[in-house]
C-alpha atoms as a PDB file:
ATOM      1  CA  UNK A   1      18.536  43.850  63.154  1.00  0.00           C
ATOM      2  CA  UNK A   2      21.888  44.108  61.479  1.00  0.00           C
ATOM      3  CA  UNK A   3      25.370  45.101  62.514  1.00  0.00           C
ATOM      4  CA  UNK A   4      27.394  47.984  61.133  1.00  0.00           C
ATOM      5  CA  UNK A   5      29.848  45.543  59.524  1.00  0.00           C
ATOM      6  CA  UNK A   6      26.979  43.981  57.569  1.00  0.00           C
ATOM      7  CA  UNK A   7      26.040  47.469  56.492  1.00  0.00           C
ATOM      8  CA  UNK A   8      29.563  48.181  55.214  1.00  0.00           C
ATOM      9  CA  UNK A   9      29.588  44.978  53.154  1.00  0.00           C
ATOM     10  CA  UNK A  10      27.039  46.545  50.803  1.00  0.00           C
ATOM     11  CA  UNK A  11      28.875  49.876  50.621  1.00  0.00           C
ATOM     12  CA  UNK A  12      30.468  49.291  47.189  1.00  0.00           C
ATOM     13  CA  UNK A  13      27.209  48.201  45.513  1.00  0.00           C
ATOM     14  CA  UNK A  14      25.333  51.093  47.104  1.00  0.00           C
ATOM     15  CA  UNK A  15      27.979  53.512  45.882  1.00  0.00           C
ATOM     16  CA  UNK A  16      27.533  52.288  42.293  1.00  0.00           C
ATOM     17  CA  UNK A  17      23.757  52.545  42.604  1.00  0.00           C
ATOM     18  CA  UNK A  18      24.030  56.077  43.981  1.00  0.00           C
ATOM     19  CA  UNK A  19      26.249  57.080  41.051  1.00  0.00           C
ATOM     20  CA  UNK A  20      23.729  55.640  38.570  1.00  0.00           C
ATOM     21  CA  UNK A  21      20.996  57.717  40.175  1.00  0.00           C
ATOM     22  CA  UNK A  22      22.878  61.010  40.473  1.00  0.00           C
ATOM     23  CA  UNK A  23      25.456  60.768  37.653  1.00  0.00           C
ATOM     24  CA  UNK A  24      27.754  62.870  39.812  1.00  0.00           C
ATOM     25  CA  UNK A  25      30.487  61.605  42.132  1.00  0.00           C
ATOM     26  CA  UNK A  26      29.982  64.200  44.872  1.00  0.00           C
ATOM     27  CA  UNK A  27      26.188  63.842  44.862  1.00  0.00           C
ATOM     28  CA  UNK A  28      26.558  60.050  44.899  1.00  0.00           C
ATOM     29  CA  UNK A  29      28.760  60.249  47.997  1.00  0.00           C
ATOM     30  CA  UNK A  30      26.235  62.535  49.708  1.00  0.00           C
ATOM     31  CA  UNK A  31      23.378  60.180  48.833  1.00  0.00           C
ATOM     32  CA  UNK A  32      25.331  57.168  50.116  1.00  0.00           C
ATOM     33  CA  UNK A  33      26.079  58.927  53.388  1.00  0.00           C
ATOM     34  CA  UNK A  34      22.438  59.944  53.824  1.00  0.00           C
ATOM     35  CA  UNK A  35      21.327  56.382  53.097  1.00  0.00           C
ATOM     36  CA  UNK A  36      23.681  54.829  55.647  1.00  0.00           C
ATOM     37  CA  UNK A  37      22.678  57.417  58.232  1.00  0.00           C
ATOM     38  CA  UNK A  38      18.977  56.769  57.620  1.00  0.00           C
ATOM     39  CA  UNK A  39      19.554  53.002  57.814  1.00  0.00           C
ATOM     40  CA  UNK A  40      21.281  53.336  61.194  1.00  0.00           C
ATOM     41  CA  UNK A  41      18.523  55.645  62.467  1.00  0.00           C
ATOM     42  CA  UNK A  42      15.768  53.239  61.350  1.00  0.00           C
ATOM     43  CA  UNK A  43      17.640  50.060  62.262  1.00  0.00           C
ATOM     44  CA  UNK A  44      14.708  48.738  64.306  1.00  0.00           C
ATOM     45  CA  UNK A  45      12.438  48.757  61.216  1.00  0.00           C
ATOM     46  CA  UNK A  46      14.596  46.230  59.374  1.00  0.00           C
ATOM     47  CA  UNK A  47      13.081  42.753  59.433  1.00  0.00           C
ATOM     48  CA  UNK A  48      15.592  40.060  60.306  1.00  0.00           C
ATOM     49  CA  UNK A  49      16.004  37.534  57.528  1.00  0.00           C
ATOM     50  CA  UNK A  50      15.126  39.949  54.690  1.00  0.00           C
ATOM     51  CA  UNK A  51      17.594  41.184  52.078  1.00  0.00           C
ATOM     52  CA  UNK A  52      19.658  44.036  53.574  1.00  0.00           C
ATOM     53  CA  UNK A  53      20.846  45.365  50.202  1.00  0.00           C
ATOM     54  CA  UNK A  54      17.269  45.599  48.907  1.00  0.00           C
ATOM     55  CA  UNK A  55      16.225  47.457  52.034  1.00  0.00           C
ATOM     56  CA  UNK A  56      19.189  49.871  51.742  1.00  0.00           C
ATOM     57  CA  UNK A  57      18.693  50.457  48.029  1.00  0.00           C
ATOM     58  CA  UNK A  58      14.998  51.213  48.635  1.00  0.00           C
ATOM     59  CA  UNK A  59      15.989  53.806  51.252  1.00  0.00           C
ATOM     60  CA  UNK A  60      18.521  55.294  48.804  1.00  0.00           C
ATOM     61  CA  UNK A  61      16.005  55.445  45.972  1.00  0.00           C
ATOM     62  CA  UNK A  62      13.361  57.105  48.186  1.00  0.00           C
ATOM     63  CA  UNK A  63      15.886  59.697  49.410  1.00  0.00           C
ATOM     64  CA  UNK A  64      16.907  60.424  45.822  1.00  0.00           C
ATOM     65  CA  UNK A  65      13.319  60.818  44.612  1.00  0.00           C
ATOM     66  CA  UNK A  66      12.408  63.057  47.553  1.00  0.00           C
ATOM     67  CA  UNK A  67      15.405  65.296  46.929  1.00  0.00           C
ATOM     68  CA  UNK A  68      14.622  65.438  43.205  1.00  0.00           C
ATOM     69  CA  UNK A  69      11.006  66.415  43.836  1.00  0.00           C
ATOM     70  CA  UNK A  70      12.057  69.057  46.349  1.00  0.00           C
ATOM     71  CA  UNK A  71      14.575  70.443  43.895  1.00  0.00           C
ATOM     72  CA  UNK A  72      12.155  70.653  40.972  1.00  0.00           C
ATOM     73  CA  UNK A  73       9.391  72.125  43.102  1.00  0.00           C
ATOM     74  CA  UNK A  74      11.295  74.770  45.008  1.00  0.00           C
ATOM     75  CA  UNK A  75      14.592  75.514  43.286  1.00  0.00           C
ATOM     76  CA  UNK A  76      13.301  75.890  39.747  1.00  0.00           C
ATOM     77  CA  UNK A  77      10.093  77.579  40.848  1.00  0.00           C
ATOM     78  CA  UNK A  78      12.001  80.525  42.264  1.00  0.00           C
ATOM     79  CA  UNK A  79      14.879  80.501  39.810  1.00  0.00           C
ATOM     80  CA  UNK A  80      14.999  84.014  38.307  1.00  0.00           C
ATOM     81  CA  UNK A  81      16.716  82.999  35.037  1.00  0.00           C
ATOM     82  CA  UNK A  82      13.572  82.073  33.044  1.00  0.00           C
ATOM     83  CA  UNK A  83      11.848  85.252  34.217  1.00  0.00           C
ATOM     84  CA  UNK A  84      14.847  87.394  33.292  1.00  0.00           C
ATOM     85  CA  UNK A  85      15.114  85.720  29.881  1.00  0.00           C
ATOM     86  CA  UNK A  86      11.481  86.613  29.146  1.00  0.00           C
ATOM     87  CA  UNK A  87      12.104  90.235  30.148  1.00  0.00           C
ATOM     88  CA  UNK A  88      14.934  90.794  27.672  1.00  0.00           C
ATOM     89  CA  UNK A  89      14.090  93.232  24.915  1.00  0.00           C
ATOM     90  CA  UNK A  90      15.846  93.774  21.633  1.00  0.00           C
ATOM     91  CA  UNK A  91      17.281  97.217  21.049  1.00  0.00           C
ATOM     92  CA  UNK A  92      14.817  99.592  19.505  1.00  0.00           C
ATOM     93  CA  UNK A  93      15.230 100.538  15.873  1.00  0.00           C
ATOM     94  CA  UNK A  94      16.631 103.962  16.798  1.00  0.00           C
ATOM     95  CA  UNK A  95      19.381 102.466  18.923  1.00  0.00           C
ATOM     96  CA  UNK A  96      20.241  99.945  16.221  1.00  0.00           C
ATOM     97  CA  UNK A  97      20.522 102.798  13.726  1.00  0.00           C
ATOM     98  CA  UNK A  98      22.733 104.788  16.095  1.00  0.00           C
ATOM     99  CA  UNK A  99      25.077 101.857  16.505  1.00  0.00           C
ATOM    100  CA  UNK A 100      25.142 101.369  12.749  1.00  0.00           C
ATOM    101  CA  UNK A 101      26.094 105.027  12.282  1.00  0.00           C
ATOM    102  CA  UNK A 102      28.878 104.749  14.852  1.00  0.00           C
ATOM    103  CA  UNK A 103      30.066 101.512  13.267  1.00  0.00           C
ATOM    104  CA  UNK A 104      30.153 103.120   9.814  1.00  0.00           C
ATOM    105  CA  UNK A 105      32.011 106.165  11.177  1.00  0.00           C
ATOM    106  CA  UNK A 106      34.509 103.876  12.936  1.00  0.00           C
ATOM    107  CA  UNK A 107      35.165 102.086   9.630  1.00  0.00           C
ATOM    108  CA  UNK A 108      36.150 105.419   8.061  1.00  0.00           C
ATOM    109  CA  UNK A 109      38.847 106.078  10.679  1.00  0.00           C
ATOM    110  CA  UNK A 110      42.446 105.136   9.977  1.00  0.00           C
ATOM    111  CA  UNK A 111      43.616 101.811  11.383  1.00  0.00           C
ATOM    112  CA  UNK A 112      45.857 103.514  13.959  1.00  0.00           C
ATOM    113  CA  UNK A 113      43.098 105.782  15.227  1.00  0.00           C
ATOM    114  CA  UNK A 114      40.480 103.004  15.306  1.00  0.00           C
ATOM    115  CA  UNK A 115      42.847 100.670  17.165  1.00  0.00           C
ATOM    116  CA  UNK A 116      43.634 103.209  19.906  1.00  0.00           C
ATOM    117  CA  UNK A 117      39.980 104.248  20.211  1.00  0.00           C
ATOM    118  CA  UNK A 118      38.835 100.658  20.620  1.00  0.00           C
ATOM    119  CA  UNK A 119      41.536  99.825  23.148  1.00  0.00           C
ATOM    120  CA  UNK A 120      40.868 102.859  25.347  1.00  0.00           C
ATOM    121  CA  UNK A 121      37.124 103.446  24.965  1.00  0.00           C
ATOM    122  CA  UNK A 122      35.754  99.964  24.316  1.00  0.00           C
ATOM    123  CA  UNK A 123      38.190  97.690  26.115  1.00  0.00           C
ATOM    124  CA  UNK A 124      38.860 100.217  28.886  1.00  0.00           C
ATOM    125  CA  UNK A 125      42.626  99.891  28.730  1.00  0.00           C
ATOM    126  CA  UNK A 126      44.876 102.483  30.369  1.00  0.00           C
ATOM    127  CA  UNK A 127      47.080 104.684  28.190  1.00  0.00           C
ATOM    128  CA  UNK A 128      50.212 102.955  29.498  1.00  0.00           C
ATOM    129  CA  UNK A 129      48.780  99.522  28.615  1.00  0.00           C
ATOM    130  CA  UNK A 130      47.979 100.669  25.086  1.00  0.00           C
ATOM    131  CA  UNK A 131      51.434 102.179  24.822  1.00  0.00           C
ATOM    132  CA  UNK A 132      53.068  98.885  25.824  1.00  0.00           C
ATOM    133  CA  UNK A 133      50.849  96.792  23.590  1.00  0.00           C
ATOM    134  CA  UNK A 134      51.374  98.951  20.490  1.00  0.00           C
ATOM    135  CA  UNK A 135      54.985  99.727  21.362  1.00  0.00           C
ATOM    136  CA  UNK A 136      54.489 103.492  20.985  1.00  0.00           C
ATOM    137  CA  UNK A 137      54.985 106.380  23.461  1.00  0.00           C
ATOM    138  CA  UNK A 138      52.099 107.370  25.767  1.00  0.00           C
ATOM    139  CA  UNK A 139      52.039 110.807  24.157  1.00  0.00           C
ATOM    140  CA  UNK A 140      51.385 109.202  20.781  1.00  0.00           C
ATOM    141  CA  UNK A 141      48.512 107.206  22.293  1.00  0.00           C
ATOM    142  CA  UNK A 142      46.959 110.405  23.630  1.00  0.00           C
ATOM    143  CA  UNK A 143      47.474 112.215  20.341  1.00  0.00           C
ATOM    144  CA  UNK A 144      45.921 109.402  18.267  1.00  0.00           C
ATOM    145  CA  UNK A 145      43.033 109.091  20.688  1.00  0.00           C
ATOM    146  CA  UNK A 146      42.338 112.813  20.514  1.00  0.00           C
ATOM    147  CA  UNK A 147      42.397 112.810  16.720  1.00  0.00           C
ATOM    148  CA  UNK A 148      40.294 109.664  16.580  1.00  0.00           C
ATOM    149  CA  UNK A 149      37.629 111.248  18.790  1.00  0.00           C
ATOM    150  CA  UNK A 150      37.610 114.426  16.700  1.00  0.00           C
ATOM    151  CA  UNK A 151      37.358 112.489  13.430  1.00  0.00           C
ATOM    152  CA  UNK A 152      34.640 110.230  14.785  1.00  0.00           C
ATOM    153  CA  UNK A 153      32.630 113.213  16.030  1.00  0.00           C
ATOM    154  CA  UNK A 154      33.026 114.985  12.675  1.00  0.00           C
ATOM    155  CA  UNK A 155      31.878 111.930  10.720  1.00  0.00           C
ATOM    156  CA  UNK A 156      28.868 111.461  12.987  1.00  0.00           C
ATOM    157  CA  UNK A 157      27.920 115.131  12.533  1.00  0.00           C
ATOM    158  CA  UNK A 158      28.269 114.762   8.748  1.00  0.00           C
ATOM    159  CA  UNK A 159      25.907 111.793   8.881  1.00  0.00           C
ATOM    160  CA  UNK A 160      23.454 113.810  10.943  1.00  0.00           C
ATOM    161  CA  UNK A 161      23.469 116.646   8.371  1.00  0.00           C
ATOM    162  CA  UNK A 162      22.971 114.384   5.337  1.00  0.00           C
ATOM    163  CA  UNK A 163      20.109 112.378   6.824  1.00  0.00           C
ATOM    164  CA  UNK A 164      17.003 114.295   7.977  1.00  0.00           C
ATOM    165  CA  UNK A 165      16.655 112.438  11.280  1.00  0.00           C
ATOM    166  CA  UNK A 166      19.487 110.619  12.969  1.00  0.00           C
ATOM    167  CA  UNK A 167      19.487 110.156  16.737  1.00  0.00           C
ATOM    168  CA  UNK A 168      22.424 111.411  18.770  1.00  0.00           C
ATOM    169  CA  UNK A 169      25.483 109.307  19.548  1.00  0.00           C
ATOM    170  CA  UNK A 170      24.589 106.292  21.714  1.00  0.00           C
ATOM    171  CA  UNK A 171      25.157 106.824  25.403  1.00  0.00           C
ATOM    172  CA  UNK A 172      27.707 104.007  25.458  1.00  0.00           C
ATOM    173  CA  UNK A 173      29.908 105.851  22.946  1.00  0.00           C
ATOM    174  CA  UNK A 174      29.489 109.397  24.222  1.00  0.00           C
ATOM    175  CA  UNK A 175      32.392 109.008  26.630  1.00  0.00           C
ATOM    176  CA  UNK A 176      34.724 108.208  23.745  1.00  0.00           C
ATOM    177  CA  UNK A 177      33.526 110.997  21.518  1.00  0.00           C
ATOM    178  CA  UNK A 178      33.096 113.772  24.081  1.00  0.00           C
ATOM    179  CA  UNK A 179      36.074 113.091  26.335  1.00  0.00           C
END
């Protein structure tokens, strides 16, 4: 058997070993604590005259390997991220075309109208925020937004008339155009 003071003499070396295994300070401290606890619990299994550090480091290594195996078996097995990544789909061609049409129509707007439209409809800013940011009255923000929506709608309708088949405005932009 060994005493607790003998156990603490190897604390610094065990701490370094734990850090080498885990490569993380917090995990190393947890592993060290678990090792010392296990050593105290299994004190009677230690053979007097054998190397205490070797015995402690073997306990630490076994605890680390067990935790690693448990983590890889259970935590990654039920981790939804890989499944979700596989389920992602690219936008269909129609939706890509709709966004391209909206993008082209946005490019035709004046800078003032486009800026207000983006701030309110895309970024979700309040009229007062836009007013402060652009240093213009709230009434001007509302006026520019109204004209921007009208111009955008008109350009999208022009596109629809010139091309035989163009899907409607994307659902994400309908709030900006129709509001």
